[in-house]
Amino acid sequence: MKHLIDPTDFTKEEIDEIIEYGEYIIANRELFRDKLRYHKLATLFYEPSTRTRLSFTSAMMELGGNVLGFSDARSSSVAKGESVGDTALTVGNFVDVIAMRHPLEGAPYVASKVSKVPIINAGDGSHAHPTQTLTDLLTIKRELGHIDNITIGFCGDLRFGRTVHSLIKALSRYKGIDIVLISPDEMRLPDYIKSDVCDKLGLRYKEVRSIEEVIGELDVLYMTRVQKERFLDEDEFERVKDSFVLDCEKLKGAKPDMAILHPLPRVNEIRQEVDADTRAAYFRQVENGKFVRMSLICKLLEWKDDPSHSMPAHPEYFQDPGRHCRNTKCICNHENVTPLFHETEGGIVRCVYCDSKV
């Protein structure tokens, strides 16, 4: 059975199939009104969400299906101490697919190990957000006409930005990708993404400190907000929260067909004056999210019993009583799950659940 926990759970061919099917849905919406009639999706959202939760709900409803679930874990049996695994096992008796958002990194992965229905990771802490990645890829395809051979600049919070981490992993599958990392020192892309993804897979990248010095090179500018909820130190947040702000003045040096993306919500990082610019694609990106989730749900149900669409082989995992994941937001430090580790090239040991270096 196929789950979507991380972008690398899908082959490039499977990702392209989802993108192409999403484009087909956009062109033929009337054909999908009853596509999933009598099917049900559970949205298990353990932390607040507007766009992602409503996007899943809208996607399933437009396919003719039904939606159940919760948007606040306090209104569920979680408040009584029920584990993520038990919740997935229970809810799986009522639905065909589960979309899960959780503040603890690795929670959807834990659910996928026991679930009887496909699990979709709708965001786990600052770890991964693969359906946003599919949304981004569909948006790039629709805005530029292709995904290969582009220069994309990621600006803002590259440290905690799970959307950035996920999209970089996905783009590593495509040809001719150049990445520009635009952030203050406190918000730089984690070393493990640079070493395990960019360096290992030959993805070209450079780091700069201002939008202006690279704006003319970019085919895509991917803006992100500085996420207060991910900071343990409020003083650090206050220092960097307004580090990069996009306005019409900065856009004067950009290509006329550059696409501006943002996973939203925005705070101060894109001035409202930019909304009127034809290059501002972030609200079109929101609608693309609905279409790509329609495609994803259809494909996961289609692939459920197809052995040619199984989960990829994982590295050899091991237990070690002498090791401990230090990530306080990893699920292994909150629930009774077996600590598991894997060794990457270079002998670096990482936690299976959150990818943190041990």
Protein backbone atom coordinates (compact mmCIF):
# COMPACT_ATOMS: atom_id res chain seq x y z
CA MET A 1 0.00 0.00 0.00
CA LYS A 2 1.21 3.49 -0.85
CA HIS A 3 1.44 6.30 1.72
CA LEU A 4 2.74 9.85 1.25
CA ILE A 5 4.90 10.73 4.26
CA ASP A 6 7.87 12.31 2.48
CA PRO A 7 8.27 13.50 -1.13
CA THR A 8 10.81 10.72 -1.71
CA ASP A 9 8.11 8.10 -1.05
CA PHE A 10 7.02 8.69 -4.65
CA THR A 11 9.18 8.07 -7.68
CA LYS A 12 9.63 10.92 -10.14
CA GLU A 13 7.33 9.02 -12.50
CA GLU A 14 4.62 8.83 -9.83
CA ILE A 15 4.97 12.54 -9.05
CA ASP A 16 4.73 13.39 -12.75
CA GLU A 17 1.64 11.17 -13.01
CA ILE A 18 -0.03 13.06 -10.16
CA ILE A 19 0.87 16.43 -11.71
CA GLU A 20 -0.43 15.38 -15.13
CA TYR A 21 -3.61 13.94 -13.65
CA GLY A 22 -4.11 17.19 -11.74
CA GLU A 23 -3.90 19.10 -15.02
CA TYR A 24 -6.41 16.68 -16.55
CA ILE A 25 -8.80 17.29 -13.65
CA ILE A 26 -8.51 21.07 -14.15
CA ALA A 27 -9.42 20.69 -17.82
CA ASN A 28 -12.26 18.20 -17.16
CA ARG A 29 -13.72 19.05 -13.75
CA GLU A 30 -17.23 17.94 -14.67
CA LEU A 31 -16.01 14.37 -15.17
CA PHE A 32 -14.97 14.09 -11.53
CA ARG A 33 -18.14 15.20 -9.72
CA ASP A 34 -18.95 11.64 -8.63
CA LYS A 35 -15.53 10.06 -9.02
CA LEU A 36 -15.28 9.11 -5.33
CA ARG A 37 -18.94 8.90 -4.39
CA TYR A 38 -19.37 6.80 -1.22
CA HIS A 39 -15.68 7.21 -0.36
CA LYS A 40 -14.58 8.98 2.82
CA LEU A 41 -11.54 11.02 3.83
CA ALA A 42 -10.53 11.66 7.46
CA THR A 43 -8.75 14.93 8.20
CA LEU A 44 -6.91 14.45 11.50
CA PHE A 45 -5.46 17.88 12.23
CA TYR A 46 -3.68 18.04 15.59
CA GLU A 47 -2.66 21.68 15.04
CA PRO A 48 -4.34 24.70 13.42
CA SER A 49 -4.62 24.90 9.65
CA THR A 50 -6.80 26.83 7.23
CA ARG A 51 -5.58 26.28 3.67
CA THR A 52 -4.42 22.68 3.96
CA ARG A 53 -7.43 21.35 5.88
CA LEU A 54 -9.98 23.19 3.73
CA SER A 55 -8.09 22.22 0.59
CA PHE A 56 -8.38 18.52 1.48
CA THR A 57 -12.03 18.98 2.40
CA SER A 58 -12.81 20.84 -0.81
CA ALA A 59 -10.89 18.28 -2.89
CA MET A 60 -12.81 15.33 -1.49
CA MET A 61 -16.16 17.07 -1.76
CA GLU A 62 -15.49 18.05 -5.38
CA LEU A 63 -14.80 14.37 -6.07
CA GLY A 64 -18.23 13.53 -4.65
CA GLY A 65 -16.86 12.01 -1.44
CA ASN A 66 -17.42 12.74 2.24
CA VAL A 67 -15.12 14.11 4.94
CA LEU A 68 -14.93 13.51 8.67
CA GLY A 69 -12.30 14.17 11.32
CA PHE A 70 -11.21 16.90 13.71
CA SER A 71 -9.41 20.23 13.53
CA ASP A 72 -8.56 20.34 17.23
CA ALA A 73 -7.06 17.30 18.94
CA ARG A 74 -8.64 18.40 22.23
CA SER A 75 -12.02 17.41 20.84
CA SER A 76 -10.85 13.85 20.14
CA SER A 77 -9.69 10.84 22.15
CA VAL A 78 -6.21 12.28 21.94
CA ALA A 79 -7.23 14.36 24.95
CA LYS A 80 -7.65 11.05 26.81
CA GLY A 81 -4.14 9.94 25.90
CA GLU A 82 -4.79 7.90 22.76
CA SER A 83 -1.65 7.36 20.67
CA VAL A 84 -1.20 8.34 17.06
CA GLY A 85 -1.02 4.68 16.03
CA ASP A 86 -4.23 3.76 17.85
CA THR A 87 -6.02 6.77 16.37
CA ALA A 88 -4.99 5.73 12.86
CA LEU A 89 -6.09 2.13 13.46
CA THR A 90 -9.44 3.27 14.82
CA VAL A 91 -10.24 5.89 12.19
CA GLY A 92 -9.10 3.54 9.41
CA ASN A 93 -12.22 1.47 10.10
CA PHE A 94 -14.41 4.38 9.03
CA VAL A 95 -12.65 5.90 6.02
CA ASP A 96 -10.70 5.14 2.86
CA VAL A 97 -7.88 7.70 3.27
CA ILE A 98 -6.43 9.67 6.19
CA ALA A 99 -4.79 13.10 5.94
CA MET A 100 -2.86 13.91 9.13
CA ARG A 101 -1.25 17.12 10.35
CA HIS A 102 0.69 16.91 13.59
CA PRO A 103 3.09 19.20 15.48
CA LEU A 104 5.34 16.23 16.36
CA GLU A 105 7.79 15.22 13.66
CA GLY A 106 7.37 11.63 12.57
CA ALA A 107 3.75 11.27 13.68
CA PRO A 108 2.34 10.47 10.19
CA TYR A 109 5.15 7.96 9.70
CA VAL A 110 4.15 6.19 12.92
CA ALA A 111 0.53 6.14 11.72
CA SER A 112 1.55 4.70 8.35
CA LYS A 113 3.28 1.71 9.97
CA VAL A 114 -0.03 0.41 11.36
CA SER A 115 -2.74 1.93 9.17
CA LYS A 116 -5.04 -0.17 6.97
CA VAL A 117 -5.68 2.82 4.66
CA PRO A 118 -3.33 5.27 2.92
CA ILE A 119 -1.87 7.97 5.16
CA ILE A 120 -1.13 11.43 3.75
CA ASN A 121 1.27 13.62 5.69
CA ALA A 122 -0.36 17.05 5.75
CA GLY A 123 2.60 18.49 7.67
CA ASP A 124 4.57 17.17 10.66
CA GLY A 125 6.29 19.86 12.69
CA SER A 126 9.10 21.48 10.70
CA HIS A 127 9.96 18.14 9.08
CA ALA A 128 7.97 17.70 5.84
CA HIS A 129 4.89 18.91 3.98
CA PRO A 130 4.72 16.75 0.83
CA THR A 131 1.25 17.79 -0.39
CA GLN A 132 2.41 21.41 -0.40
CA THR A 133 5.32 20.18 -2.50
CA LEU A 134 2.93 18.63 -5.03
CA THR A 135 1.03 21.93 -5.03
CA ASP A 136 4.24 23.84 -5.69
CA LEU A 137 5.26 21.53 -8.53
CA LEU A 138 1.87 21.81 -10.22
CA THR A 139 2.03 25.60 -9.85
CA ILE A 140 5.52 25.79 -11.36
CA LYS A 141 4.37 23.59 -14.25
CA ARG A 142 1.30 25.73 -14.91
CA GLU A 143 3.14 29.05 -14.56
CA LEU A 144 6.30 28.21 -16.54
CA GLY A 145 5.15 25.27 -18.67
CA HIS A 146 7.90 23.00 -17.31
CA ILE A 147 9.76 22.04 -14.13
CA ASP A 148 13.18 21.09 -15.51
CA ASN A 149 15.90 23.68 -16.14
CA ILE A 150 14.84 26.43 -13.75
CA THR A 151 16.53 28.64 -11.19
CA ILE A 152 14.49 28.90 -8.00
CA GLY A 153 15.21 31.19 -5.07
CA PHE A 154 14.03 30.25 -1.59
CA CYS A 155 13.72 33.30 0.65
CA GLY A 156 13.10 33.71 4.39
CA ASP A 157 12.83 30.90 6.90
CA LEU A 158 14.83 28.08 5.37
CA ARG A 159 15.69 26.58 8.76
CA PHE A 160 12.20 25.61 9.95
CA GLY A 161 10.42 25.84 6.59
CA ARG A 162 9.17 22.32 5.98
CA THR A 163 7.74 23.41 2.63
CA VAL A 164 11.24 24.43 1.53
CA HIS A 165 12.81 21.17 2.71
CA SER A 166 10.17 19.08 0.94
CA LEU A 167 10.34 21.01 -2.33
CA ILE A 168 14.13 20.84 -2.49
CA LYS A 169 13.93 17.05 -2.08
CA ALA A 170 11.39 16.83 -4.89
CA LEU A 171 13.30 19.15 -7.23
CA SER A 172 16.40 16.98 -6.83
CA ARG A 173 14.65 14.51 -9.17
CA TYR A 174 14.51 17.02 -12.04
CA LYS A 175 17.17 18.14 -14.51
CA GLY A 176 18.93 21.48 -14.62
CA ILE A 177 17.75 22.81 -11.26
CA ASP A 178 19.70 25.68 -9.69
CA ILE A 179 18.82 26.72 -6.16
CA VAL A 180 19.48 30.09 -4.54
CA LEU A 181 19.14 30.24 -0.75
CA ILE A 182 18.26 33.72 0.54
CA SER A 183 18.18 34.01 4.32
CA PRO A 184 19.79 35.51 7.42
CA ASP A 185 22.36 33.36 9.19
CA GLU A 186 19.84 32.31 11.85
CA MET A 187 17.45 30.98 9.20
CA ARG A 188 19.88 29.15 6.90
CA LEU A 189 18.96 25.81 5.33
CA PRO A 190 19.90 22.93 7.71
CA ASP A 191 23.22 21.29 6.92
CA TYR A 192 21.62 17.85 6.56
CA ILE A 193 19.47 19.07 3.65
CA LYS A 194 22.53 20.55 1.95
CA SER A 195 24.66 17.45 2.51
CA ASP A 196 22.09 14.64 2.15
CA VAL A 197 20.11 16.17 -0.70
CA CYS A 198 21.96 18.93 -2.53
CA ASP A 199 25.52 17.63 -2.27
CA LYS A 200 24.66 13.95 -2.52
CA LEU A 201 22.42 14.36 -5.56
CA GLY A 202 24.45 17.04 -7.30
CA LEU A 203 21.88 19.82 -6.88
CA ARG A 204 23.59 23.15 -7.56
CA TYR A 205 23.03 25.82 -4.90
CA LYS A 206 24.43 29.05 -3.53
CA GLU A 207 23.68 31.11 -0.43
CA VAL A 208 23.15 34.88 -0.49
CA ARG A 209 21.88 37.49 1.95
CA SER A 210 19.65 39.72 -0.15
CA ILE A 211 16.91 39.37 -2.75
CA GLU A 212 18.25 42.22 -4.85
CA GLU A 213 21.56 40.57 -5.73
CA VAL A 214 19.87 37.55 -7.39
CA ILE A 215 16.36 38.64 -8.39
CA GLY A 216 17.29 38.90 -12.08
CA GLU A 217 18.46 35.26 -12.20
CA LEU A 218 15.28 33.66 -10.89
CA ASP A 219 12.51 31.84 -12.73
CA VAL A 220 10.72 31.23 -9.43
CA LEU A 221 10.92 33.18 -6.17
CA TYR A 222 9.61 31.11 -3.27
CA MET A 223 8.87 33.39 -0.32
CA THR A 224 8.28 32.06 3.20
CA ARG A 225 7.23 33.60 6.49
CA VAL A 226 9.33 33.43 9.61
CA GLN A 227 7.34 30.99 11.75
CA LYS A 228 7.00 32.21 15.33
CA GLU A 229 5.50 28.88 16.43
CA ARG A 230 8.74 27.06 15.56
CA PHE A 231 10.95 29.26 17.75
CA LEU A 232 11.89 28.40 21.30
CA ASP A 233 13.56 31.81 21.76
CA GLU A 234 11.19 34.75 21.24
CA ASP A 235 14.07 37.27 21.18
CA GLU A 236 15.59 35.39 18.25
CA PHE A 237 12.25 35.51 16.46
CA GLU A 238 11.98 39.28 16.95
CA ARG A 239 15.47 39.78 15.48
CA VAL A 240 14.75 37.99 12.20
CA LYS A 241 10.98 38.26 11.63
CA ASP A 242 11.20 41.11 9.09
CA SER A 243 14.52 40.16 7.52
CA PHE A 244 13.25 39.97 3.94
CA VAL A 245 10.29 41.84 2.51
CA LEU A 246 9.27 41.68 -1.16
CA ASP A 247 7.84 44.85 -2.69
CA CYS A 248 7.35 46.26 -6.18
CA GLU A 249 10.66 48.10 -6.05
CA LYS A 250 12.60 44.84 -5.65
CA LEU A 251 10.63 43.30 -8.54
CA LYS A 252 11.89 45.86 -11.04
CA GLY A 253 14.97 43.74 -11.73
CA ALA A 254 13.07 40.43 -12.05
CA LYS A 255 12.27 38.52 -15.23
CA PRO A 256 8.86 39.47 -16.71
CA ASP A 257 7.67 35.85 -16.47
CA MET A 258 9.11 34.99 -13.06
CA ALA A 259 6.60 33.27 -10.76
CA ILE A 260 6.26 34.34 -7.12
CA LEU A 261 5.18 31.48 -4.84
CA HIS A 262 4.36 31.42 -1.13
CA PRO A 263 2.87 28.54 0.90
CA LEU A 264 0.89 31.09 2.96
CA PRO A 265 -0.13 32.50 5.34
CA ARG A 266 1.96 35.58 4.75
CA VAL A 267 2.66 38.16 7.43
CA ASN A 268 4.97 40.99 6.35
CA GLU A 269 7.20 39.27 3.81
CA ILE A 270 5.17 40.21 0.70
CA ARG A 271 3.67 43.68 0.49
CA GLN A 272 0.03 43.74 -0.64
CA GLU A 273 1.03 45.96 -3.57
CA VAL A 274 2.68 42.89 -5.12
CA ASP A 275 -0.69 41.10 -5.39
CA ALA A 276 -1.58 43.09 -8.51
CA ASP A 277 1.59 41.97 -10.31
CA THR A 278 0.91 39.25 -12.90
CA ARG A 279 3.90 37.33 -11.53
CA ALA A 280 2.21 36.92 -8.14
CA ALA A 281 1.11 33.28 -8.30
CA TYR A 282 0.52 32.52 -4.62
CA PHE A 283 -3.28 32.69 -4.70
CA ARG A 284 -3.38 30.64 -7.90
CA GLN A 285 -1.10 28.28 -5.98
CA VAL A 286 -3.82 27.84 -3.34
CA GLU A 287 -6.34 26.68 -5.94
CA ASN A 288 -3.75 24.37 -7.47
CA GLY A 289 -3.50 22.76 -4.03
CA LYS A 290 -7.09 21.60 -4.27
CA PHE A 291 -6.60 20.08 -7.71
CA VAL A 292 -3.38 18.29 -6.83
CA ARG A 293 -4.97 16.83 -3.68
CA MET A 294 -7.89 15.60 -5.79
CA SER A 295 -5.34 13.90 -8.02
CA LEU A 296 -3.40 12.49 -5.06
CA ILE A 297 -6.46 11.00 -3.36
CA CYS A 298 -7.59 9.36 -6.60
CA LYS A 299 -4.15 7.93 -7.29
CA LEU A 300 -3.62 6.58 -3.76
CA LEU A 301 -6.93 4.72 -3.96
CA GLU A 302 -6.06 3.47 -7.44
CA TRP A 303 -2.62 2.30 -6.28
CA LYS A 304 -3.73 0.83 -2.96
CA ASP A 305 -3.76 -2.80 -4.09
CA ASP A 306 -1.27 -2.44 -6.93
CA PRO A 307 2.09 -4.05 -6.00
CA SER A 308 3.87 -1.93 -8.61
CA HIS A 309 3.11 1.11 -6.44
CA SER A 310 4.50 -0.04 -3.11
CA MET A 311 6.51 2.02 -0.64
CA PRO A 312 10.20 2.43 -1.51
CA ALA A 313 12.85 0.34 0.21
CA HIS A 314 14.18 2.20 3.24
CA PRO A 315 17.74 2.18 4.53
CA GLU A 316 18.51 -0.47 7.11
CA TYR A 317 17.10 0.71 10.43
CA PHE A 318 18.55 -0.28 13.76
CA GLN A 319 17.98 0.11 17.48
CA ASP A 320 20.73 1.31 19.81
CA PRO A 321 20.07 1.72 23.54
CA GLY A 322 23.10 4.01 23.71
CA ARG A 323 21.62 6.56 21.31
CA HIS A 324 18.83 9.06 21.82
CA CYS A 325 17.13 11.54 19.52
CA ARG A 326 17.59 15.00 21.01
CA ASN A 327 14.84 16.63 18.99
CA THR A 328 12.25 17.65 21.58
CA LYS A 329 9.60 17.80 18.83
CA CYS A 330 10.20 14.24 17.62
CA ILE A 331 7.39 11.81 18.31
CA CYS A 332 9.85 9.29 19.76
CA ASN A 333 10.25 11.62 22.74
CA HIS A 334 6.50 11.88 23.38
CA GLU A 335 4.94 8.51 22.59
CA ASN A 336 5.87 4.92 23.30
CA VAL A 337 7.50 4.15 19.96
CA THR A 338 10.71 2.23 19.47
CA PRO A 339 13.65 4.62 18.83
CA LEU A 340 15.01 3.79 15.38
CA PHE A 341 18.07 5.08 13.57
CA HIS A 342 19.73 4.82 10.19
CA GLU A 343 23.21 5.64 8.99
CA THR A 344 23.71 7.93 6.01
CA GLU A 345 26.72 8.20 3.75
CA GLY A 346 29.65 9.54 5.72
CA GLY A 347 28.68 7.62 8.83
CA ILE A 348 26.15 10.16 10.13
CA VAL A 349 23.41 8.58 12.23
CA ARG A 350 19.93 10.08 12.02
CA CYS A 351 16.58 9.49 13.69
CA VAL A 352 14.18 7.59 11.43
CA TYR A 353 11.19 9.66 12.56
CA CYS A 354 12.49 13.24 12.22
CA ASP A 355 15.80 12.97 10.31
CA SER A 356 17.64 14.77 13.11
CA LYS A 357 21.32 14.04 13.51
CA VAL A 358 21.87 11.83 16.57
